[in-house]
Amino acid sequence: MIKYGVDWPVQWAEFQIELFLYRNPDKALEIEECAGLTGEDFFKKARRLIWPNFKWNEYSDLFVHAWLNYKNIAIMGHTRGTKTFDFGYIIVTEYLVEPTKTRIVTTTVSLDSLRNNLWANILEACDSASIPLLAPEGPLNVRNTDREICHSEEHKDRKYCIKGVATGEDKKAQARIQGHHADRSIVVIDEAQQTGDAIYKASYNLSSDPFFRCVYLGNPEEAVSPYGDVCEPLEGWDSVDVSKRIWETKMDEGVCIHLDGLTSPNYLAEEGNPYPYLITKEYIEAIRKHPGEDSRQWWAWVRGWWPPEGVIQRVFPQVVIDKGKEDLELIYTKPCASLDPGFGGDRCILQIGEYGILKNDISLLGIRHIRTVHVPVKLGPGYDAPEYQIRDYVIDLCKLERVQPDDLIIDGTSRGAAVVAMIRREWDMAVHTIEYGGKASERLLMPGDRRPCSKLYDRKVTELWFAAAEFMAMGQFGNITKDIALELFGRETMAFRTGAKKEAQVLSIETKVEYKKRLRRSPDLGDAACQFVELLRRKGAKLKGQSEWKDSSEAQLGRLAKVEEDLFQPEEEYSYNESYA
């Protein structure tokens, strides 16, 4: 075949010539008729030869340009932005460049989502090709039941393939991504906003491969998240706004493309919706009407942007999270611990901290996080029941960390009550517990507000989280990690009216079930962190500016420490008698 004045191998299809020149720009420079053509030109020519009926739009050009010029590509935008549709075609085209050296992993949050979105678009690209999609060994081998497209039927060659993986089982998906290096490694993460941190870390592991691309596709909901991190501009979020279309990110050779529904090709078209796969005018106007421009849906699904803080009410706004990340300076400190037993599939979390007097204000107590421990629980024949394993591990670690019994607090909700009872029986009755579903306490919290917490919050867990947020805002709770910050920031709140005549307004936070459904993770780290402040309040701590302390709800415990005395006394060697053994 003669093309560009060169006689190419007779077995090559025309699109293979274009992909060869895309992959080998030095060869293209040697061909006179290729003068002025770029790798992007060759890539697009190949696609047009394979799919002559593909309807290109502005987004298609943006995606291809980013693909050919950056390693880490984040796409944040409105729903139906052709993100997965376009990248289905890009993925197949890139695989055809060098099938025997290319491994592409496509992943999303669930198997159903994978089958119905990104993987379905890849299969559509294969099925709609106008010519056979040829690899050196022959046509591509599509194994849909295994979600695998390979250049060969041989098992030994299946490392180099297009592979679909669901991230519902993070550990398996992580192993499938990071366990296979190749000359050409590509990872495409769909629904990146809901994807766990483990998958991001697995993709980073491949970034040293000779050719690497990672694409993050999502509708923005939470800026404080792994997805928010890969989208973050080089100069920070303050350097861009919703009108910005494209910017370089803090990722290595990273770029972010922002798709705003109000500037989409369909919305700007004079008549109708010329692009069938894009968001439509009718959809945009329906969302504008209800739930409206003040809603999360408007910002995430139409504007393709993080919902402003005023739209989503958070227990821990960003400004409070930033304050909580600061290292809190304390004096006369004592170690403490907080346990979330985490039954029902959640993690069992033990956090170690310390509380003491603020160095910059000796009239106030503060508490800070030191480290988080994931308590190992083994299931199956030959192992003790989880409650016994948790009991033994927590008591041993607390003793090792010099945490006294009345400086440990445990979530006693549901099956957690059994863990509390067993630790108290084995160690000491001074161990604290909290019941999340109970009524908010009669204690005061807010400076200048004479109403008890029972008049402010709908239930105990709401009080727990808001108290922690207030202490953090006042600089009395700090040193939180990025993982804790992520979970605290994620929890949303609302106000509603209660009472016979709806005369009283109280605050409520979303339930753990709602949180997990929306973000596909459980706030176990956040719960354990908030329990630190509950422990501190039981020790007599007040918020800065609070003049009176009231706590009739906890009087029955009877063994709360007089913390000011303890902290100012000389440190004594702590030993355990038989009752602690």
Protein backbone atom coordinates (compact mmCIF):
# COMPACT_ATOMS: atom_id res chain seq x y z
CA MET A 1 0.00 0.00 0.00
CA ILE A 2 1.29 3.45 -0.95
CA LYS A 3 0.51 6.28 1.45
CA TYR A 4 2.37 9.54 2.11
CA GLY A 5 4.66 8.48 -0.75
CA VAL A 6 5.82 5.37 1.16
CA ASP A 7 5.29 1.71 0.26
CA TRP A 8 3.94 0.07 3.44
CA PRO A 9 3.72 -3.68 4.20
CA VAL A 10 0.93 -5.19 2.16
CA GLN A 11 -0.78 -6.76 5.20
CA TRP A 12 -1.19 -3.41 6.97
CA ALA A 13 -4.57 -1.73 7.05
CA GLU A 14 -4.63 2.01 6.43
CA PHE A 15 -5.44 2.80 10.08
CA GLN A 16 -2.35 0.82 11.15
CA ILE A 17 -0.16 3.14 9.08
CA GLU A 18 -1.62 6.15 10.87
CA LEU A 19 -1.11 4.54 14.28
CA PHE A 20 2.47 3.59 13.38
CA LEU A 21 3.24 7.24 12.56
CA TYR A 22 1.50 8.35 15.78
CA ARG A 23 3.61 5.92 17.80
CA ASN A 24 6.84 6.74 15.94
CA PRO A 25 7.01 10.51 15.39
CA ASP A 26 10.69 10.29 14.39
CA LYS A 27 9.68 8.17 11.38
CA ALA A 28 6.98 10.67 10.44
CA LEU A 29 9.59 13.44 10.38
CA GLU A 30 11.51 11.53 7.72
CA ILE A 31 8.50 11.49 5.37
CA GLU A 32 8.12 14.62 3.27
CA GLU A 33 4.35 14.28 2.81
CA CYS A 34 3.91 14.13 6.60
CA ALA A 35 5.40 17.59 7.08
CA GLY A 36 3.24 19.66 9.44
CA LEU A 37 1.26 16.67 10.73
CA THR A 38 1.36 15.91 14.46
CA GLY A 39 0.78 12.77 16.51
CA GLU A 40 -2.68 14.13 17.28
CA ASP A 41 -3.42 14.33 13.54
CA PHE A 42 -2.38 10.71 12.97
CA PHE A 43 -4.38 9.50 15.99
CA LYS A 44 -7.53 11.26 14.76
CA LYS A 45 -7.02 10.02 11.19
CA ALA A 46 -6.84 6.44 12.47
CA ARG A 47 -10.07 6.89 14.43
CA ARG A 48 -11.88 8.37 11.45
CA LEU A 49 -10.78 5.45 9.29
CA ILE A 50 -12.07 2.92 11.84
CA TRP A 51 -15.26 4.82 12.78
CA PRO A 52 -16.18 7.12 9.87
CA ASN A 53 -19.67 7.70 11.32
CA PHE A 54 -18.49 8.82 14.75
CA LYS A 55 -19.91 12.29 15.43
CA TRP A 56 -17.09 14.43 16.80
CA ASN A 57 -17.78 17.39 19.07
CA GLU A 58 -15.76 19.92 21.04
CA TYR A 59 -15.40 17.52 23.96
CA SER A 60 -14.02 14.78 21.70
CA ASP A 61 -11.19 17.07 20.57
CA LEU A 62 -10.42 18.13 24.15
CA PHE A 63 -10.20 14.51 25.32
CA VAL A 64 -7.86 13.45 22.51
CA HIS A 65 -5.61 16.47 23.03
CA ALA A 66 -5.32 15.73 26.76
CA TRP A 67 -4.69 12.03 26.07
CA LEU A 68 -1.74 12.77 23.79
CA ASN A 69 -0.13 15.47 25.94
CA TYR A 70 -0.57 14.49 29.60
CA LYS A 71 -0.06 11.41 31.81
CA ASN A 72 -2.75 12.05 34.43
CA ILE A 73 -6.05 13.26 33.00
CA ALA A 74 -8.99 14.23 35.22
CA ILE A 75 -12.37 14.94 33.68
CA MET A 76 -14.86 16.64 36.00
CA GLY A 77 -18.14 17.58 34.47
CA HIS A 78 -21.87 17.37 34.05
CA THR A 79 -23.79 14.15 33.64
CA ARG A 80 -23.98 12.77 30.08
CA GLY A 81 -20.79 14.54 29.11
CA THR A 82 -19.75 11.68 26.76
CA LYS A 83 -16.86 10.98 29.12
CA THR A 84 -17.13 7.18 29.08
CA PHE A 85 -18.47 7.16 25.53
CA ASP A 86 -15.51 9.03 24.06
CA PHE A 87 -12.93 7.23 26.16
CA GLY A 88 -14.32 3.87 25.05
CA TYR A 89 -13.14 4.76 21.53
CA ILE A 90 -9.85 6.27 22.75
CA ILE A 91 -9.07 3.10 24.73
CA VAL A 92 -9.62 0.77 21.75
CA THR A 93 -7.59 3.04 19.45
CA GLU A 94 -4.65 3.21 21.87
CA TYR A 95 -4.67 -0.56 22.35
CA LEU A 96 -4.43 -1.09 18.59
CA VAL A 97 -1.22 1.00 18.50
CA GLU A 98 0.83 -1.81 20.07
CA PRO A 99 -1.37 -4.66 21.38
CA THR A 100 1.49 -6.97 22.35
CA LYS A 101 2.93 -4.42 24.80
CA THR A 102 -0.19 -2.66 26.10
CA ARG A 103 -2.21 -3.38 29.24
CA ILE A 104 -5.33 -1.29 29.86
CA VAL A 105 -7.41 -1.63 33.03
CA THR A 106 -10.82 0.03 33.12
CA THR A 107 -12.53 0.18 36.48
CA THR A 108 -15.63 1.54 38.19
CA VAL A 109 -17.42 1.09 41.51
CA SER A 110 -19.61 -1.94 40.75
CA LEU A 111 -19.95 -4.73 38.24
CA ASP A 112 -23.34 -3.48 37.05
CA SER A 113 -21.98 0.01 36.56
CA LEU A 114 -18.99 -1.37 34.64
CA ARG A 115 -21.18 -3.47 32.35
CA ASN A 116 -23.62 -0.64 31.66
CA ASN A 117 -21.18 2.22 31.17
CA LEU A 118 -17.47 2.15 30.39
CA TRP A 119 -17.22 -1.52 29.40
CA ALA A 120 -20.39 -1.22 27.32
CA ASN A 121 -18.85 1.75 25.47
CA ILE A 122 -15.67 -0.20 24.78
CA LEU A 123 -17.72 -3.10 23.35
CA GLU A 124 -19.74 -0.63 21.28
CA ALA A 125 -16.51 0.79 19.86
CA CYS A 126 -15.41 -2.72 18.87
CA ASP A 127 -18.79 -3.64 17.39
CA SER A 128 -19.29 -0.40 15.45
CA ALA A 129 -15.90 -0.45 13.68
CA SER A 130 -16.34 -0.23 9.91
CA ILE A 131 -13.29 -2.44 9.31
CA PRO A 132 -11.81 -5.45 11.13
CA LEU A 133 -9.81 -4.41 14.21
CA LEU A 134 -6.56 -6.20 13.49
CA ALA A 135 -3.69 -7.05 15.81
CA PRO A 136 -0.48 -8.77 14.56
CA GLU A 137 -2.00 -12.21 15.28
CA GLY A 138 -5.34 -11.37 13.66
CA PRO A 139 -8.66 -9.88 14.80
CA LEU A 140 -9.07 -8.85 18.44
CA ASN A 141 -10.32 -11.62 20.71
CA VAL A 142 -13.30 -10.33 22.75
CA ARG A 143 -14.11 -12.37 25.88
CA ASN A 144 -17.11 -10.49 27.27
CA THR A 145 -17.81 -12.95 30.10
CA ASP A 146 -14.30 -12.25 31.44
CA ARG A 147 -14.53 -8.56 30.50
CA GLU A 148 -11.35 -8.93 28.52
CA ILE A 149 -10.25 -7.97 25.00
CA CYS A 150 -6.94 -9.43 23.88
CA HIS A 151 -4.77 -9.55 20.77
CA SER A 152 -4.50 -13.34 21.03
CA GLU A 153 -6.44 -16.36 22.26
CA GLU A 154 -3.31 -17.73 23.97
CA HIS A 155 -3.46 -17.63 27.78
CA LYS A 156 0.16 -16.47 28.02
CA ASP A 157 -0.70 -13.33 26.06
CA ARG A 158 -3.64 -12.26 28.22
CA LYS A 159 -1.50 -9.96 30.34
CA TYR A 160 -1.59 -7.53 27.41
CA CYS A 161 -5.27 -6.78 27.09
CA ILE A 162 -8.10 -4.41 27.82
CA LYS A 163 -9.50 -5.55 31.16
CA GLY A 164 -12.65 -4.46 33.02
CA VAL A 165 -12.48 -4.58 36.84
CA ALA A 166 -15.12 -3.59 39.43
CA THR A 167 -13.72 -1.81 42.49
CA GLY A 168 -16.40 -3.07 44.88
CA GLU A 169 -13.75 -5.44 46.23
CA ASP A 170 -10.97 -2.89 46.57
CA LYS A 171 -8.22 -5.36 47.48
CA LYS A 172 -8.83 -7.62 44.47
CA ALA A 173 -9.12 -4.66 42.13
CA GLN A 174 -6.00 -3.09 43.59
CA ALA A 175 -4.02 -6.29 42.98
CA ARG A 176 -5.26 -6.55 39.40
CA ILE A 177 -4.14 -3.00 38.69
CA GLN A 178 -0.79 -2.68 40.43
CA GLY A 179 0.34 -6.28 40.04
CA HIS A 180 0.97 -6.08 36.29
CA HIS A 181 3.55 -3.73 34.84
CA ALA A 182 3.91 -3.35 31.09
CA ASP A 183 5.76 -1.23 28.55
CA ARG A 184 2.48 0.58 28.02
CA SER A 185 0.24 0.79 31.11
CA ILE A 186 -3.12 2.57 31.10
CA VAL A 187 -5.74 2.88 33.86
CA VAL A 188 -9.16 4.46 33.33
CA ILE A 189 -11.25 5.05 36.47
CA ASP A 190 -14.94 5.75 35.91
CA GLU A 191 -17.11 7.18 38.74
CA ALA A 192 -13.84 8.40 40.22
CA GLN A 193 -15.64 10.49 42.86
CA GLN A 194 -16.96 7.29 44.49
CA THR A 195 -13.79 5.21 44.01
CA GLY A 196 -11.78 4.26 47.08
CA ASP A 197 -8.28 5.51 47.83
CA ALA A 198 -6.80 2.02 47.35
CA ILE A 199 -7.51 2.15 43.61
CA TYR A 200 -5.82 5.53 43.26
CA LYS A 201 -2.74 4.22 45.02
CA ALA A 202 -2.68 1.15 42.77
CA SER A 203 -2.73 3.34 39.66
CA TYR A 204 0.10 5.51 41.00
CA ASN A 205 2.19 2.34 41.29
CA LEU A 206 2.23 2.01 37.48
CA SER A 207 3.29 5.59 36.77
CA SER A 208 6.95 4.59 36.33
CA ASP A 209 6.16 2.36 33.32
CA PRO A 210 7.66 3.66 30.02
CA PHE A 211 4.25 4.74 28.67
CA PHE A 212 1.64 5.58 31.30
CA ARG A 213 -1.80 7.13 31.26
CA CYS A 214 -4.38 7.37 34.02
CA VAL A 215 -7.80 8.89 33.43
CA TYR A 216 -10.22 9.89 36.20
CA LEU A 217 -13.84 10.36 35.08
CA GLY A 218 -16.43 11.75 37.47
CA ASN A 219 -19.22 14.10 38.45
CA PRO A 220 -17.83 16.37 41.19
CA GLU A 221 -19.44 16.11 44.62
CA GLU A 222 -16.68 16.21 47.26
CA ALA A 223 -13.56 18.32 46.73
CA VAL A 224 -11.95 16.84 49.84
CA SER A 225 -11.43 13.38 48.35
CA PRO A 226 -8.91 11.42 46.26
CA TYR A 227 -10.84 12.59 43.17
CA GLY A 228 -10.61 16.19 44.33
CA ASP A 229 -6.87 15.77 44.78
CA VAL A 230 -6.29 14.65 41.17
CA CYS A 231 -8.43 17.55 39.89
CA GLU A 232 -6.76 20.23 42.03
CA PRO A 233 -5.14 23.05 40.02
CA LEU A 234 -1.41 23.64 40.24
CA GLU A 235 -2.07 26.94 42.03
CA GLY A 236 -4.90 25.61 44.22
CA TRP A 237 -8.69 25.86 43.93
CA ASP A 238 -8.67 29.60 44.53
CA SER A 239 -6.98 30.01 41.13
CA VAL A 240 -9.99 28.72 39.12
CA ASP A 241 -13.77 29.00 39.16
CA VAL A 242 -16.75 27.40 37.44
CA SER A 243 -16.06 29.31 34.21
CA LYS A 244 -12.63 27.71 33.73
CA ARG A 245 -12.48 24.96 31.07
CA ILE A 246 -9.00 23.42 31.45
CA TRP A 247 -6.03 23.69 33.81
CA GLU A 248 -2.86 21.84 34.76
CA THR A 249 -3.01 19.97 38.06
CA LYS A 250 -0.69 19.05 40.92
CA MET A 251 -0.38 15.54 39.52
CA ASP A 252 2.73 14.57 37.56
CA GLU A 253 2.08 15.85 34.02
CA GLY A 254 -1.53 16.31 35.04
CA VAL A 255 -4.44 18.16 33.49
CA CYS A 256 -8.10 18.62 34.39
CA ILE A 257 -10.91 19.28 31.90
CA HIS A 258 -14.06 20.85 33.31
CA LEU A 259 -17.32 20.31 31.40
CA ASP A 260 -20.05 22.82 32.21
CA GLY A 261 -23.52 21.89 30.95
CA LEU A 262 -24.27 25.57 30.26
CA THR A 263 -21.46 25.67 27.68
CA SER A 264 -21.99 22.17 26.26
CA PRO A 265 -22.39 21.77 22.47
CA ASN A 266 -26.07 20.76 22.79
CA TYR A 267 -26.99 23.67 25.07
CA LEU A 268 -25.29 26.20 22.79
CA ALA A 269 -26.79 24.73 19.60
CA GLU A 270 -29.34 27.01 17.93
CA GLU A 271 -31.82 24.19 17.36
CA GLY A 272 -32.49 20.86 19.02
CA ASN A 273 -29.83 18.60 20.53
CA PRO A 274 -27.49 17.69 17.66
CA TYR A 275 -25.32 15.36 19.76
CA PRO A 276 -27.38 12.37 20.98
CA TYR A 277 -24.97 11.29 23.72
CA LEU A 278 -24.67 14.72 25.36
CA ILE A 279 -26.73 16.42 28.05
CA THR A 280 -29.86 18.02 26.55
CA LYS A 281 -31.41 21.44 26.92
CA GLU A 282 -34.58 19.84 28.30
CA TYR A 283 -32.67 18.04 31.06
CA ILE A 284 -30.88 21.21 32.11
CA GLU A 285 -34.11 23.19 32.29
CA ALA A 286 -35.81 20.40 34.26
CA ILE A 287 -33.06 20.48 36.90
CA ARG A 288 -33.18 24.30 36.93
CA LYS A 289 -36.90 24.08 37.75
CA HIS A 290 -36.54 21.35 40.36
CA PRO A 291 -34.61 20.90 42.59
CA GLY A 292 -33.26 24.28 41.43
CA GLU A 293 -30.00 26.17 41.06
CA ASP A 294 -29.36 25.99 44.81
CA SER A 295 -29.23 22.20 44.77
CA ARG A 296 -26.41 19.67 44.78
CA GLN A 297 -27.87 18.20 41.57
CA TRP A 298 -27.59 21.51 39.71
CA TRP A 299 -23.92 21.91 40.56
CA ALA A 300 -22.77 18.30 40.17
CA TRP A 301 -25.00 17.21 37.27
CA VAL A 302 -25.35 20.44 35.26
CA ARG A 303 -22.48 22.80 36.13
CA GLY A 304 -20.01 19.94 36.68
CA TRP A 305 -18.55 21.73 39.70
CA TRP A 306 -18.15 21.20 43.44
CA PRO A 307 -21.36 22.33 45.15
CA PRO A 308 -20.63 25.53 47.12
CA GLU A 309 -20.48 25.26 50.90
CA GLY A 310 -23.75 27.19 51.19
CA VAL A 311 -25.55 24.60 49.07
CA ILE A 312 -24.42 21.64 51.15
CA GLN A 313 -24.53 22.05 54.91
CA ARG A 314 -21.61 20.18 56.44
CA VAL A 315 -20.90 19.37 60.05
CA PHE A 316 -17.21 20.05 59.35
CA PRO A 317 -16.86 22.80 56.70
CA GLN A 318 -13.52 23.14 54.91
CA VAL A 319 -12.34 26.00 57.14
CA VAL A 320 -12.85 23.82 60.23
CA ILE A 321 -11.09 20.86 58.60
CA ASP A 322 -8.10 23.08 57.82
CA LYS A 323 -8.01 24.16 61.48
CA GLY A 324 -8.19 20.54 62.62
CA LYS A 325 -5.17 19.56 60.52
CA GLU A 326 -2.99 21.92 62.56
CA ASP A 327 -0.80 20.41 65.27
CA LEU A 328 -2.26 21.23 68.66
CA GLU A 329 0.29 22.18 71.32
CA LEU A 330 -0.61 20.74 74.73
CA ILE A 331 1.10 20.56 78.11
CA TYR A 332 0.63 18.10 80.98
CA THR A 333 -0.71 15.49 78.57
CA LYS A 334 -2.26 12.08 79.22
CA PRO A 335 -2.76 9.30 76.63
CA CYS A 336 -6.28 8.30 75.65
CA ALA A 337 -8.00 6.02 73.16
CA SER A 338 -11.23 5.80 71.16
CA LEU A 339 -12.71 2.58 69.76
CA ASP A 340 -15.31 2.06 67.03
CA PRO A 341 -15.87 -1.74 67.05
CA GLY A 342 -17.21 -1.60 63.48
CA PHE A 343 -19.55 -4.56 63.15
CA GLY A 344 -21.67 -5.19 60.06
CA GLY A 345 -18.81 -5.03 57.57
CA ASP A 346 -17.32 -1.76 58.85
CA ARG A 347 -13.72 -1.44 59.98
CA CYS A 348 -12.77 -1.90 63.63
CA ILE A 349 -10.91 1.31 64.43
CA LEU A 350 -8.85 2.15 67.52
CA GLN A 351 -7.43 5.67 67.67
CA ILE A 352 -4.75 6.75 70.11
CA GLY A 353 -4.63 10.35 71.21
CA GLU A 354 -3.66 12.55 74.12
CA TYR A 355 -5.41 15.30 76.00
CA GLY A 356 -4.06 18.10 78.13
CA ILE A 357 -3.99 21.84 78.71
CA LEU A 358 -3.64 24.21 75.77
CA LYS A 359 -0.16 25.70 75.74
CA ASN A 360 -1.51 29.05 74.56
CA ASP A 361 -4.42 29.17 77.05
CA ILE A 362 -3.98 27.25 80.30
CA SER A 363 -7.68 27.74 81.17
CA LEU A 364 -8.72 25.31 78.43
CA LEU A 365 -8.38 21.62 77.72
CA GLY A 366 -7.64 20.21 74.28
CA ILE A 367 -7.20 16.83 72.65
CA ARG A 368 -5.26 15.64 69.62
CA HIS A 369 -5.08 12.55 67.46
CA ILE A 370 -1.81 10.59 67.52
CA ARG A 371 -2.36 7.53 65.35
CA THR A 372 -5.01 5.17 64.00
CA VAL A 373 -4.88 1.39 64.36
CA HIS A 374 -7.04 -1.01 62.34
CA VAL A 375 -7.85 -3.76 64.81
CA PRO A 376 -7.30 -7.14 63.11
CA VAL A 377 -10.25 -9.53 63.34
CA LYS A 378 -10.00 -13.04 61.92
CA LEU A 379 -13.03 -15.10 61.03
CA GLY A 380 -13.47 -18.83 60.60
CA PRO A 381 -12.89 -22.09 62.41
CA GLY A 382 -10.23 -21.98 65.10
CA TYR A 383 -10.61 -18.29 65.84
CA ASP A 384 -12.34 -16.72 68.84
CA ALA A 385 -15.50 -14.69 68.30
CA PRO A 386 -14.75 -11.15 67.03
CA GLU A 387 -15.79 -9.60 70.37
CA TYR A 388 -13.11 -11.60 72.22
CA GLN A 389 -10.44 -10.72 69.67
CA ILE A 390 -11.30 -7.03 69.88
CA ARG A 391 -11.35 -7.11 73.69
CA ASP A 392 -7.90 -8.69 73.99
CA TYR A 393 -6.29 -6.52 71.31
CA VAL A 394 -7.66 -3.25 72.69
CA ILE A 395 -6.76 -3.96 76.31
CA ASP A 396 -3.22 -5.04 75.37
CA LEU A 397 -2.62 -2.00 73.15
CA CYS A 398 -4.06 0.42 75.70
CA LYS A 399 -1.72 -0.96 78.35
CA LEU A 400 1.19 -0.69 75.94
CA GLU A 401 0.25 2.95 75.20
CA ARG A 402 -0.22 3.66 78.96
CA VAL A 403 -3.91 4.47 78.45
CA GLN A 404 -5.82 4.16 81.74
CA PRO A 405 -9.30 2.58 81.74
CA ASP A 406 -11.14 5.87 82.29
CA ASP A 407 -9.30 7.37 79.31
CA LEU A 408 -10.81 4.87 76.84
CA ILE A 409 -14.17 5.53 75.17
CA ILE A 410 -16.07 2.96 73.05
CA ASP A 411 -19.04 3.12 70.71
CA GLY A 412 -21.54 0.90 72.54
CA THR A 413 -24.23 1.02 69.86
CA SER A 414 -25.84 -2.32 68.92
CA ARG A 415 -23.26 -5.16 69.03
CA GLY A 416 -20.69 -2.70 70.35
CA ALA A 417 -22.42 -3.04 73.73
CA ALA A 418 -21.06 -6.58 74.02
CA VAL A 419 -17.49 -5.34 73.43
CA VAL A 420 -17.96 -2.65 76.10
CA ALA A 421 -19.27 -5.17 78.63
CA MET A 422 -16.43 -7.61 77.96
CA ILE A 423 -13.69 -4.97 78.21
CA ARG A 424 -15.18 -3.58 81.42
CA ARG A 425 -15.48 -7.06 82.91
CA GLU A 426 -11.92 -8.00 81.93
CA TRP A 427 -10.25 -4.68 82.69
CA ASP A 428 -12.20 -1.99 84.59
CA MET A 429 -15.71 -0.55 84.85
CA ALA A 430 -14.30 2.97 84.37
CA VAL A 431 -14.17 2.48 80.59
CA HIS A 432 -16.51 4.99 78.90
CA THR A 433 -19.23 4.13 76.40
CA ILE A 434 -21.56 6.11 74.16
CA GLU A 435 -24.84 5.05 72.54
CA TYR A 436 -25.20 6.76 69.15
CA GLY A 437 -28.93 6.30 68.82
CA GLY A 438 -29.76 7.74 72.23
CA LYS A 439 -31.11 11.16 73.11
CA ALA A 440 -28.79 14.16 73.08
CA SER A 441 -27.55 15.10 76.55
CA GLU A 442 -28.64 17.88 78.90
CA ARG A 443 -25.16 19.43 78.81
CA LEU A 444 -24.47 22.92 77.50
CA LEU A 445 -22.16 23.29 74.51
CA MET A 446 -22.30 26.62 72.71
CA PRO A 447 -20.90 29.73 74.43
CA GLY A 448 -23.72 32.16 75.22
CA ASP A 449 -26.44 29.58 74.47
CA ARG A 450 -28.36 28.47 77.57
CA ARG A 451 -30.15 25.65 75.74
CA PRO A 452 -28.94 22.09 76.50
CA CYS A 453 -27.84 19.83 73.67
CA SER A 454 -31.18 18.00 73.81
CA LYS A 455 -32.80 21.20 72.51
CA LEU A 456 -30.21 21.65 69.74
CA TYR A 457 -29.71 18.17 68.29
CA ASP A 458 -32.06 15.36 67.30
CA ARG A 459 -30.00 12.49 68.76
CA LYS A 460 -26.74 11.63 70.47
CA VAL A 461 -24.64 11.05 67.33
CA THR A 462 -25.58 14.53 66.05
CA GLU A 463 -24.40 16.05 69.32
CA LEU A 464 -21.23 13.96 69.14
CA TRP A 465 -20.26 15.26 65.68
CA PHE A 466 -21.26 18.88 66.24
CA ALA A 467 -19.42 19.03 69.57
CA ALA A 468 -16.27 17.72 67.87
CA ALA A 469 -16.66 20.31 65.10
CA GLU A 470 -17.04 23.15 67.62
CA PHE A 471 -13.97 22.05 69.59
CA MET A 472 -12.01 21.80 66.34
CA ALA A 473 -13.14 25.26 65.21
CA MET A 474 -12.00 26.70 68.55
CA GLY A 475 -8.56 25.09 68.24
CA GLN A 476 -9.18 22.55 71.00
CA PHE A 477 -9.14 19.43 68.81
CA GLY A 478 -6.45 18.91 66.20
CA ASN A 479 -3.70 16.94 64.50
CA ILE A 480 -6.20 14.97 62.41
CA THR A 481 -4.93 13.02 59.42
CA LYS A 482 -6.00 13.39 55.81
CA ASP A 483 -8.06 10.17 56.02
CA ILE A 484 -9.94 11.41 59.09
CA ALA A 485 -10.48 14.80 57.45
CA LEU A 486 -11.98 13.09 54.40
CA GLU A 487 -14.60 11.29 56.48
CA LEU A 488 -15.43 14.28 58.69
CA PHE A 489 -15.85 16.58 55.70
CA GLY A 490 -18.18 14.12 53.99
CA ARG A 491 -20.99 14.15 56.54
CA GLU A 492 -23.91 16.44 55.76
CA THR A 493 -26.44 18.03 58.07
CA MET A 494 -29.86 19.64 57.90
CA ALA A 495 -32.18 21.57 60.18
CA PHE A 496 -35.81 20.63 60.77
CA ARG A 497 -38.60 21.70 63.09
CA THR A 498 -39.91 19.59 65.93
CA GLY A 499 -42.48 19.82 68.72
CA ALA A 500 -46.27 19.77 68.72
CA LYS A 501 -46.45 23.07 66.85
CA LYS A 502 -43.11 22.70 65.05
CA GLU A 503 -41.89 25.55 67.21
CA ALA A 504 -38.35 24.29 67.83
CA GLN A 505 -35.59 23.88 65.24
CA VAL A 506 -32.99 21.16 65.80
CA LEU A 507 -30.04 19.94 63.81
CA SER A 508 -29.66 16.45 62.41
CA ILE A 509 -26.90 14.67 60.53
CA GLU A 510 -27.38 12.07 57.83
CA THR A 511 -27.43 8.47 59.05
CA LYS A 512 -24.50 6.14 58.52
CA VAL A 513 -26.60 4.21 55.96
CA GLU A 514 -27.21 7.41 53.98
CA TYR A 515 -23.54 8.38 54.22
CA LYS A 516 -22.40 4.97 52.98
CA LYS A 517 -24.94 4.93 50.14
CA ARG A 518 -23.83 8.37 48.93
CA LEU A 519 -20.05 8.06 49.35
CA ARG A 520 -19.62 4.26 49.33
CA ARG A 521 -17.55 4.31 52.49
CA SER A 522 -18.31 4.24 56.20
CA PRO A 523 -17.36 7.14 58.52
CA ASP A 524 -15.61 4.85 61.02
CA LEU A 525 -12.52 7.05 61.32
CA GLY A 526 -14.72 10.11 61.76
CA ASP A 527 -16.82 8.45 64.47
CA ALA A 528 -13.76 7.38 66.44
CA ALA A 529 -12.24 10.87 66.17
CA CYS A 530 -15.43 12.58 67.39
CA GLN A 531 -15.51 10.26 70.41
CA PHE A 532 -12.26 11.89 71.57
CA VAL A 533 -14.14 15.16 72.16
CA GLU A 534 -16.94 13.34 73.98
CA LEU A 535 -14.30 11.88 76.29
CA LEU A 536 -12.80 15.34 76.83
CA ARG A 537 -16.22 16.83 77.64
CA ARG A 538 -16.76 14.11 80.23
CA LYS A 539 -13.47 15.17 81.77
CA GLY A 540 -14.94 18.64 82.32
CA ALA A 541 -13.69 20.43 79.19
CA LYS A 542 -15.52 23.58 78.07
CA LEU A 543 -15.44 25.40 74.77
CA LYS A 544 -13.56 28.67 74.71
CA GLY A 545 -16.00 31.35 75.91
CA GLN A 546 -18.34 28.92 77.68
CA SER A 547 -18.99 30.11 81.23
CA GLU A 548 -20.99 27.27 82.76
CA TRP A 549 -20.89 23.48 82.68
CA LYS A 550 -23.97 21.32 83.12
CA ASP A 551 -24.12 17.54 82.80
CA SER A 552 -26.94 15.78 84.58
CA SER A 553 -27.06 13.03 81.94
CA GLU A 554 -23.66 11.59 82.91
CA ALA A 555 -24.00 11.77 86.71
CA GLN A 556 -24.52 8.03 87.00
CA LEU A 557 -20.96 7.26 85.89
CA GLY A 558 -19.62 8.62 89.17
CA ARG A 559 -15.97 7.96 88.35
CA LEU A 560 -15.05 10.77 86.01
CA ALA A 561 -11.54 12.04 86.61
CA LYS A 562 -10.79 15.44 88.05
CA VAL A 563 -8.61 16.16 85.10
CA GLU A 564 -7.12 19.47 86.25
CA GLU A 565 -5.72 17.79 89.36
CA ASP A 566 -4.42 14.81 87.40
CA LEU A 567 -2.70 16.94 84.82
CA PHE A 568 -0.91 19.21 87.26
CA GLN A 569 0.31 16.40 89.51
CA PRO A 570 3.82 15.02 88.85
CA GLU A 571 3.84 12.09 86.45
CA GLU A 572 3.91 8.79 88.30
CA GLU A 573 4.95 5.43 86.97
CA TYR A 574 1.73 3.71 85.93
CA SER A 575 1.35 0.07 86.89
CA TYR A 576 -1.52 -2.38 86.73
CA ASN A 577 -2.72 -4.39 89.70
CA GLU A 578 -4.52 -7.69 89.56
CA SER A 579 -7.85 -6.06 88.71
CA TYR A 580 -6.34 -4.79 85.44
CA ALA A 581 -4.63 -8.01 84.44
